[in-house]
Amino acid sequence: MAIGRVGCFLTELPGTPTHTAFGIRLDADAAARLGAPAGVPLHPSFLYEIAFQAAAFVVIWCWLRHRLVSPGETLTFYLLGYGVFRFLVELVRGNEVAWMGLTRPQLFLLLTVPLVAARIVVQARKGVYRLEPARTR
């Protein structure tokens, strides 16, 4: 996902206008091609996502992979984390608003993130997750 977002960063509208120091300014040609204002700092939303993906990899590889022994549970935790992150990053991505100030991905995530969270709660009640990491022999 992180590698794929590099392509998005190089070819798509980065995000909404920002007042932060790390905003990306498009030249006139890029702005015209992407339908964005030229010279206005924009949120580097794809860079935010690259950072999230790198952090998620570290968390999964260094911490979660030894605690989640049931098949598919690592993916479940990743999907929950990514769903929450994606809902938040959509606030600065500049995607078209579909309904009540939310984008289509946000509307989808409003339905699916609670379902994934509910699955984690059910699995936790079943005792699927370990509190201590697995010991190696």
C-alpha atoms as a PDB file:
ATOM      1  CA  MET A   1       0.000   0.000   0.000  1.00  0.00           C
ATOM      2  CA  ALA A   2       2.793   2.428   0.844  1.00  0.00           C
ATOM      3  CA  ILE A   3       4.500   1.824  -2.499  1.00  0.00           C
ATOM      4  CA  GLY A   4       1.214   2.296  -4.358  1.00  0.00           C
ATOM      5  CA  ARG A   5       0.616   5.622  -2.652  1.00  0.00           C
ATOM      6  CA  VAL A   6       3.879   6.952  -4.097  1.00  0.00           C
ATOM      7  CA  GLY A   7       2.233   6.707  -7.520  1.00  0.00           C
ATOM      8  CA  CYS A   8      -0.860   8.478  -6.191  1.00  0.00           C
ATOM      9  CA  PHE A   9       1.339  11.197  -4.713  1.00  0.00           C
ATOM     10  CA  LEU A  10       3.037  11.773  -8.065  1.00  0.00           C
ATOM     11  CA  THR A  11      -0.131  11.830 -10.203  1.00  0.00           C
ATOM     12  CA  GLU A  12      -3.180  12.871  -8.147  1.00  0.00           C
ATOM     13  CA  LEU A  13      -4.458  15.901  -6.257  1.00  0.00           C
ATOM     14  CA  PRO A  14      -2.628  15.778  -2.906  1.00  0.00           C
ATOM     15  CA  GLY A  15      -5.322  17.175  -0.623  1.00  0.00           C
ATOM     16  CA  THR A  16      -7.188  20.189   0.628  1.00  0.00           C
ATOM     17  CA  PRO A  17      -5.586  23.573   1.351  1.00  0.00           C
ATOM     18  CA  THR A  18      -3.565  23.783   4.557  1.00  0.00           C
ATOM     19  CA  HIS A  19      -1.827  26.406   6.656  1.00  0.00           C
ATOM     20  CA  THR A  20       0.892  24.025   7.820  1.00  0.00           C
ATOM     21  CA  ALA A  21       4.515  24.505   6.845  1.00  0.00           C
ATOM     22  CA  PHE A  22       4.687  21.139   5.078  1.00  0.00           C
ATOM     23  CA  GLY A  23       1.954  21.802   2.514  1.00  0.00           C
ATOM     24  CA  ILE A  24       2.658  20.972  -1.124  1.00  0.00           C
ATOM     25  CA  ARG A  25       2.441  23.791  -3.671  1.00  0.00           C
ATOM     26  CA  LEU A  26       1.593  22.901  -7.258  1.00  0.00           C
ATOM     27  CA  ASP A  27       2.949  24.845 -10.202  1.00  0.00           C
ATOM     28  CA  ALA A  28       0.511  26.220 -12.791  1.00  0.00           C
ATOM     29  CA  ASP A  29       0.776  23.203 -15.120  1.00  0.00           C
ATOM     30  CA  ALA A  30       0.212  20.588 -12.388  1.00  0.00           C
ATOM     31  CA  ALA A  31      -2.575  22.642 -10.836  1.00  0.00           C
ATOM     32  CA  ALA A  32      -4.388  22.946 -14.172  1.00  0.00           C
ATOM     33  CA  ARG A  33      -4.023  19.205 -14.850  1.00  0.00           C
ATOM     34  CA  LEU A  34      -5.354  18.259 -11.391  1.00  0.00           C
ATOM     35  CA  GLY A  35      -8.004  20.973 -11.095  1.00  0.00           C
ATOM     36  CA  ALA A  36      -6.329  22.550  -8.067  1.00  0.00           C
ATOM     37  CA  PRO A  37      -5.266  26.076  -7.162  1.00  0.00           C
ATOM     38  CA  ALA A  38      -1.698  26.947  -8.151  1.00  0.00           C
ATOM     39  CA  GLY A  39       0.698  28.048  -5.428  1.00  0.00           C
ATOM     40  CA  VAL A  40      -1.663  27.184  -2.549  1.00  0.00           C
ATOM     41  CA  PRO A  41      -0.214  24.791   0.050  1.00  0.00           C
ATOM     42  CA  LEU A  42      -2.129  21.483   0.037  1.00  0.00           C
ATOM     43  CA  HIS A  43      -2.145  18.644   2.574  1.00  0.00           C
ATOM     44  CA  PRO A  44       0.232  15.872   1.439  1.00  0.00           C
ATOM     45  CA  SER A  45      -2.443  13.249   2.182  1.00  0.00           C
ATOM     46  CA  PHE A  46      -0.662  10.494   0.299  1.00  0.00           C
ATOM     47  CA  LEU A  47       2.480  11.079   2.346  1.00  0.00           C
ATOM     48  CA  TYR A  48       0.329  10.770   5.489  1.00  0.00           C
ATOM     49  CA  GLU A  49      -0.829   7.415   4.186  1.00  0.00           C
ATOM     50  CA  ILE A  50       2.695   6.253   3.380  1.00  0.00           C
ATOM     51  CA  ALA A  51       3.687   7.109   6.967  1.00  0.00           C
ATOM     52  CA  PHE A  52       0.652   5.233   8.325  1.00  0.00           C
ATOM     53  CA  GLN A  53       1.436   2.140   6.259  1.00  0.00           C
ATOM     54  CA  ALA A  54       5.063   2.133   7.434  1.00  0.00           C
ATOM     55  CA  ALA A  55       3.973   2.513  11.068  1.00  0.00           C
ATOM     56  CA  ALA A  56       1.334  -0.218  10.675  1.00  0.00           C
ATOM     57  CA  PHE A  57       3.961  -2.567   9.281  1.00  0.00           C
ATOM     58  CA  VAL A  58       6.240  -1.937  12.264  1.00  0.00           C
ATOM     59  CA  VAL A  59       3.404  -2.487  14.760  1.00  0.00           C
ATOM     60  CA  ILE A  60       2.274  -5.681  13.045  1.00  0.00           C
ATOM     61  CA  TRP A  61       5.761  -7.090  12.556  1.00  0.00           C
ATOM     62  CA  CYS A  62       7.226  -6.180  15.942  1.00  0.00           C
ATOM     63  CA  TRP A  63       4.227  -6.542  18.241  1.00  0.00           C
ATOM     64  CA  LEU A  64       1.056  -8.075  16.838  1.00  0.00           C
ATOM     65  CA  ARG A  65       2.328 -11.043  14.858  1.00  0.00           C
ATOM     66  CA  HIS A  66       3.326 -12.950  17.994  1.00  0.00           C
ATOM     67  CA  ARG A  67       0.109 -12.212  19.863  1.00  0.00           C
ATOM     68  CA  LEU A  68      -2.440 -13.090  17.195  1.00  0.00           C
ATOM     69  CA  VAL A  69      -2.145 -16.790  16.532  1.00  0.00           C
ATOM     70  CA  SER A  70      -5.622 -17.368  15.109  1.00  0.00           C
ATOM     71  CA  PRO A  71      -5.610 -17.200  11.287  1.00  0.00           C
ATOM     72  CA  GLY A  72      -6.789 -13.886   9.872  1.00  0.00           C
ATOM     73  CA  GLU A  73      -6.674 -11.866  13.082  1.00  0.00           C
ATOM     74  CA  THR A  74      -3.619  -9.827  12.109  1.00  0.00           C
ATOM     75  CA  LEU A  75      -5.461  -8.728   8.982  1.00  0.00           C
ATOM     76  CA  THR A  76      -8.533  -7.902  11.067  1.00  0.00           C
ATOM     77  CA  PHE A  77      -6.528  -5.561  13.298  1.00  0.00           C
ATOM     78  CA  TYR A  78      -4.861  -3.976  10.266  1.00  0.00           C
ATOM     79  CA  LEU A  79      -8.254  -3.388   8.630  1.00  0.00           C
ATOM     80  CA  LEU A  80      -9.584  -1.717  11.767  1.00  0.00           C
ATOM     81  CA  GLY A  81      -6.558   0.556  12.045  1.00  0.00           C
ATOM     82  CA  TYR A  82      -6.585   1.408   8.359  1.00  0.00           C
ATOM     83  CA  GLY A  83     -10.333   2.042   8.391  1.00  0.00           C
ATOM     84  CA  VAL A  84     -10.018   4.552  11.231  1.00  0.00           C
ATOM     85  CA  PHE A  85      -6.986   6.190   9.621  1.00  0.00           C
ATOM     86  CA  ARG A  86      -8.652   6.385   6.210  1.00  0.00           C
ATOM     87  CA  PHE A  87     -11.802   7.948   7.673  1.00  0.00           C
ATOM     88  CA  LEU A  88      -9.651  10.672   9.247  1.00  0.00           C
ATOM     89  CA  VAL A  89      -7.357  11.273   6.260  1.00  0.00           C
ATOM     90  CA  GLU A  90     -10.427  11.695   4.040  1.00  0.00           C
ATOM     91  CA  LEU A  91     -11.005  14.962   5.917  1.00  0.00           C
ATOM     92  CA  VAL A  92      -7.967  16.429   4.127  1.00  0.00           C
ATOM     93  CA  ARG A  93      -7.840  14.420   0.883  1.00  0.00           C
ATOM     94  CA  GLY A  94     -10.015  16.623  -1.226  1.00  0.00           C
ATOM     95  CA  ASN A  95     -12.351  13.891  -2.473  1.00  0.00           C
ATOM     96  CA  GLU A  96     -15.858  14.827  -3.552  1.00  0.00           C
ATOM     97  CA  VAL A  97     -18.342  15.234  -0.716  1.00  0.00           C
ATOM     98  CA  ALA A  98     -21.218  12.800  -1.218  1.00  0.00           C
ATOM     99  CA  TRP A  99     -23.577  13.348   1.717  1.00  0.00           C
ATOM    100  CA  MET A 100     -23.659  15.426   4.904  1.00  0.00           C
ATOM    101  CA  GLY A 101     -20.049  16.557   4.522  1.00  0.00           C
ATOM    102  CA  LEU A 102     -18.724  13.002   4.126  1.00  0.00           C
ATOM    103  CA  THR A 103     -17.011  11.401   1.148  1.00  0.00           C
ATOM    104  CA  ARG A 104     -18.010   8.024  -0.289  1.00  0.00           C
ATOM    105  CA  PRO A 105     -15.133   6.224   1.438  1.00  0.00           C
ATOM    106  CA  GLN A 106     -16.180   7.780   4.754  1.00  0.00           C
ATOM    107  CA  LEU A 107     -19.762   6.607   4.285  1.00  0.00           C
ATOM    108  CA  PHE A 108     -18.518   3.089   3.573  1.00  0.00           C
ATOM    109  CA  LEU A 109     -16.243   3.196   6.606  1.00  0.00           C
ATOM    110  CA  LEU A 110     -19.060   4.389   8.875  1.00  0.00           C
ATOM    111  CA  LEU A 111     -20.677   1.020   8.230  1.00  0.00           C
ATOM    112  CA  THR A 112     -17.684  -1.294   8.076  1.00  0.00           C
ATOM    113  CA  VAL A 113     -15.369  -0.061  10.846  1.00  0.00           C
ATOM    114  CA  PRO A 114     -17.938  -0.827  13.592  1.00  0.00           C
ATOM    115  CA  LEU A 115     -18.389  -4.319  12.114  1.00  0.00           C
ATOM    116  CA  VAL A 116     -14.650  -4.991  12.219  1.00  0.00           C
ATOM    117  CA  ALA A 117     -14.456  -3.601  15.762  1.00  0.00           C
ATOM    118  CA  ALA A 118     -17.347  -5.858  16.793  1.00  0.00           C
ATOM    119  CA  ARG A 119     -15.491  -8.868  15.396  1.00  0.00           C
ATOM    120  CA  ILE A 120     -12.450  -7.995  17.489  1.00  0.00           C
ATOM    121  CA  VAL A 121     -14.609  -7.692  20.617  1.00  0.00           C
ATOM    122  CA  VAL A 122     -16.236 -11.073  19.934  1.00  0.00           C
ATOM    123  CA  GLN A 123     -12.860 -12.718  19.346  1.00  0.00           C
ATOM    124  CA  ALA A 124     -11.449 -11.128  22.517  1.00  0.00           C
ATOM    125  CA  ARG A 125     -14.357 -12.525  24.543  1.00  0.00           C
ATOM    126  CA  LYS A 126     -13.597 -15.949  23.096  1.00  0.00           C
ATOM    127  CA  GLY A 127     -10.020 -15.625  24.369  1.00  0.00           C
ATOM    128  CA  VAL A 128      -8.395 -15.648  20.944  1.00  0.00           C
ATOM    129  CA  TYR A 129      -5.849 -12.929  21.764  1.00  0.00           C
ATOM    130  CA  ARG A 130      -2.814 -13.353  24.005  1.00  0.00           C
ATOM    131  CA  LEU A 131      -1.745 -10.779  26.527  1.00  0.00           C
ATOM    132  CA  GLU A 132       1.845 -11.991  26.526  1.00  0.00           C
ATOM    133  CA  PRO A 133       3.946 -12.605  23.408  1.00  0.00           C
ATOM    134  CA  ALA A 134       4.656 -16.193  22.394  1.00  0.00           C
ATOM    135  CA  ARG A 135       7.885 -17.595  23.773  1.00  0.00           C
ATOM    136  CA  THR A 136      10.364 -18.979  21.315  1.00  0.00           C
ATOM    137  CA  ARG A 137      12.054 -22.282  22.061  1.00  0.00           C
END
